[in-house]
Amino acid sequence: MKLWVLRHGEAEPYGSRADSERELTAHGRKEVLSSAARLMGQPLTAIYASPYLRAQQTAQLVREALGFEPEIRTVEWLTPETDPDKVAEQLVSVSNVLLVSHNPLVGHLLSYLQHGAGHPPEKVSTAGLAELEHSELLIGSMTLNSLKHP
């Protein structure tokens, strides 16, 4: 099982509008396209994204860059403050999916899947892309194959 986790690209400054409505900047779009290129040829089966606008825009840019046919699956469990265990519960029966989300969730989720609870979060910049792998989703046992930043 492979799992890719992508933090959204650079967005408008915090406080410029409601957090859920912040859009990607031009620089953020370029960052996302750079990360999307790393997903070329990967066996993605689905793209799950937070309902927040910047995550939706990020997921759509990736989808278009890859020519990925299935629709983006918008889910509430990928918002910034979600607990990593709630995300893990949703991933039990999936494989080879891309999650598009936000910090602090992204950093905490990567740490949780690799080491279990109680470890410091991974540092993930905007449009940072992580690839994790294991024979099955096993909390604290997944291997971080790569964490690339644009």
Protein backbone atom coordinates (compact mmCIF):
# COMPACT_ATOMS: atom_id res chain seq x y z
CA MET A 1 0.00 0.00 0.00
CA LYS A 2 1.27 3.43 -0.91
CA LEU A 3 -0.09 6.67 0.41
CA TRP A 4 0.81 10.14 -0.80
CA VAL A 5 0.15 13.19 1.36
CA LEU A 6 0.32 16.64 -0.22
CA ARG A 7 0.10 19.90 1.66
CA HIS A 8 -1.70 22.61 -0.33
CA GLY A 9 0.36 25.22 -2.17
CA GLU A 10 1.08 28.70 -0.85
CA ALA A 11 -2.17 30.52 -0.09
CA GLU A 12 -3.30 34.06 0.58
CA PRO A 13 -2.15 35.33 3.99
CA TYR A 14 -3.96 34.13 7.08
CA GLY A 15 -6.58 36.70 8.07
CA SER A 16 -7.09 38.00 4.53
CA ARG A 17 -10.45 36.18 4.48
CA ALA A 18 -12.09 33.24 6.25
CA ASP A 19 -9.53 30.43 6.55
CA SER A 20 -11.63 27.97 4.55
CA GLU A 21 -11.88 30.50 1.67
CA ARG A 22 -8.20 31.38 1.26
CA GLU A 23 -7.06 30.84 -2.34
CA LEU A 24 -3.76 29.68 -3.78
CA THR A 25 -1.36 32.40 -4.89
CA ALA A 26 0.32 32.33 -8.31
CA HIS A 27 3.46 31.03 -6.55
CA GLY A 28 1.34 28.37 -4.81
CA ARG A 29 0.03 27.13 -8.15
CA LYS A 30 3.61 26.78 -9.45
CA GLU A 31 4.59 24.86 -6.30
CA VAL A 32 1.68 22.46 -6.75
CA LEU A 33 2.54 21.79 -10.40
CA SER A 34 6.12 21.02 -9.38
CA SER A 35 4.89 18.47 -6.83
CA ALA A 36 2.32 17.05 -9.26
CA ALA A 37 5.15 16.19 -11.65
CA ARG A 38 6.51 13.81 -9.00
CA LEU A 39 3.25 11.88 -9.13
CA MET A 40 3.46 11.14 -12.86
CA GLY A 41 3.25 7.41 -13.50
CA GLN A 42 2.23 6.55 -9.93
CA PRO A 43 -0.68 4.09 -9.50
CA LEU A 44 -3.15 6.52 -7.92
CA THR A 45 -6.65 5.15 -7.39
CA ALA A 46 -8.23 8.23 -5.77
CA ILE A 47 -7.60 11.82 -4.70
CA TYR A 48 -9.10 12.87 -1.37
CA ALA A 49 -9.10 16.58 -0.47
CA SER A 50 -10.10 18.89 2.34
CA PRO A 51 -13.14 21.05 1.52
CA TYR A 52 -11.08 24.23 2.10
CA LEU A 53 -10.65 26.20 -1.12
CA ARG A 54 -6.84 26.09 -1.27
CA ALA A 55 -6.86 22.29 -0.90
CA GLN A 56 -9.56 21.96 -3.55
CA GLN A 57 -7.55 24.13 -5.93
CA THR A 58 -4.42 22.08 -5.18
CA ALA A 59 -6.22 18.78 -5.81
CA GLN A 60 -7.72 20.07 -9.06
CA LEU A 61 -4.32 21.25 -10.34
CA VAL A 62 -2.85 17.81 -9.60
CA ARG A 63 -5.81 16.07 -11.21
CA GLU A 64 -5.46 18.13 -14.39
CA ALA A 65 -1.66 17.77 -14.53
CA LEU A 66 -1.95 13.98 -14.26
CA GLY A 67 -4.96 13.64 -16.54
CA PHE A 68 -6.59 11.75 -13.64
CA GLU A 69 -10.14 10.78 -14.62
CA PRO A 70 -11.97 10.13 -11.33
CA GLU A 71 -13.51 13.06 -9.50
CA ILE A 72 -11.84 14.48 -6.39
CA ARG A 73 -13.36 13.09 -3.21
CA THR A 74 -14.00 15.99 -0.84
CA VAL A 75 -13.92 14.87 2.79
CA GLU A 76 -14.29 16.72 6.10
CA TRP A 77 -11.68 14.51 7.78
CA LEU A 78 -8.78 16.30 6.01
CA THR A 79 -9.27 19.77 7.55
CA PRO A 80 -6.34 21.34 9.46
CA GLU A 81 -7.27 20.40 13.02
CA THR A 82 -8.43 16.81 12.45
CA ASP A 83 -6.78 14.18 14.67
CA PRO A 84 -4.50 11.81 12.72
CA ASP A 85 -6.28 8.77 14.17
CA LYS A 86 -9.54 9.94 12.54
CA VAL A 87 -7.76 10.05 9.17
CA ALA A 88 -6.23 6.61 9.72
CA GLU A 89 -9.70 5.17 10.40
CA GLN A 90 -10.78 6.34 6.93
CA LEU A 91 -7.78 4.76 5.21
CA VAL A 92 -8.27 1.18 6.38
CA SER A 93 -9.71 -0.09 3.10
CA VAL A 94 -7.91 2.12 0.57
CA SER A 95 -4.62 1.84 -1.25
CA ASN A 96 -2.57 4.09 -3.53
CA VAL A 97 -4.41 7.29 -2.71
CA LEU A 98 -3.39 10.94 -2.55
CA LEU A 99 -4.50 13.04 0.41
CA VAL A 100 -4.52 16.83 -0.04
CA SER A 101 -4.63 18.66 3.26
CA HIS A 102 -3.11 21.29 5.57
CA ASN A 103 -0.75 21.73 8.47
CA PRO A 104 -0.90 20.97 11.31
CA LEU A 105 -2.67 17.77 10.19
CA VAL A 106 -0.13 16.85 7.47
CA GLY A 107 2.88 17.00 9.81
CA HIS A 108 1.09 15.14 12.59
CA LEU A 109 -0.31 12.47 10.24
CA LEU A 110 3.09 11.70 8.72
CA SER A 111 4.63 11.34 12.17
CA TYR A 112 1.71 9.24 13.46
CA LEU A 113 1.81 6.80 10.54
CA GLN A 114 5.59 6.34 10.89
CA HIS A 115 6.08 6.36 14.66
CA GLY A 116 2.70 6.23 16.39
CA ALA A 117 1.36 8.78 18.86
CA GLY A 118 3.49 11.19 20.85
CA HIS A 119 6.20 12.02 18.32
CA PRO A 120 6.90 15.51 16.97
CA PRO A 121 5.27 16.35 13.63
CA GLU A 122 7.20 16.21 10.36
CA LYS A 123 8.07 19.62 8.94
CA VAL A 124 6.21 20.05 5.66
CA SER A 125 6.35 23.23 3.58
CA THR A 126 3.62 24.34 1.20
CA ALA A 127 3.13 21.82 -1.62
CA GLY A 128 5.36 19.36 0.24
CA LEU A 129 4.68 15.82 -1.01
CA ALA A 130 5.26 12.72 1.12
CA GLU A 131 5.16 9.10 0.00
CA LEU A 132 4.54 6.44 2.63
CA GLU A 133 4.47 2.69 2.12
CA HIS A 134 3.74 -0.55 3.96
CA SER A 135 2.05 -3.84 3.13
CA GLU A 136 -1.00 -2.50 5.00
CA LEU A 137 -2.03 0.56 6.96
CA LEU A 138 -0.33 -0.04 10.28
CA ILE A 139 -0.03 2.93 12.64
CA GLY A 140 3.57 3.52 13.61
CA SER A 141 4.95 1.14 10.98
CA MET A 142 4.69 2.90 7.65
CA THR A 143 7.92 3.82 5.88
CA LEU A 144 8.44 7.37 4.65
CA ASN A 145 9.96 6.76 1.21
CA SER A 146 10.29 10.45 0.44
CA LEU A 147 9.31 13.93 1.54
CA LYS A 148 9.94 16.44 -1.26
CA HIS A 149 9.40 20.16 -1.26
CA PRO A 150 9.09 22.21 -4.44
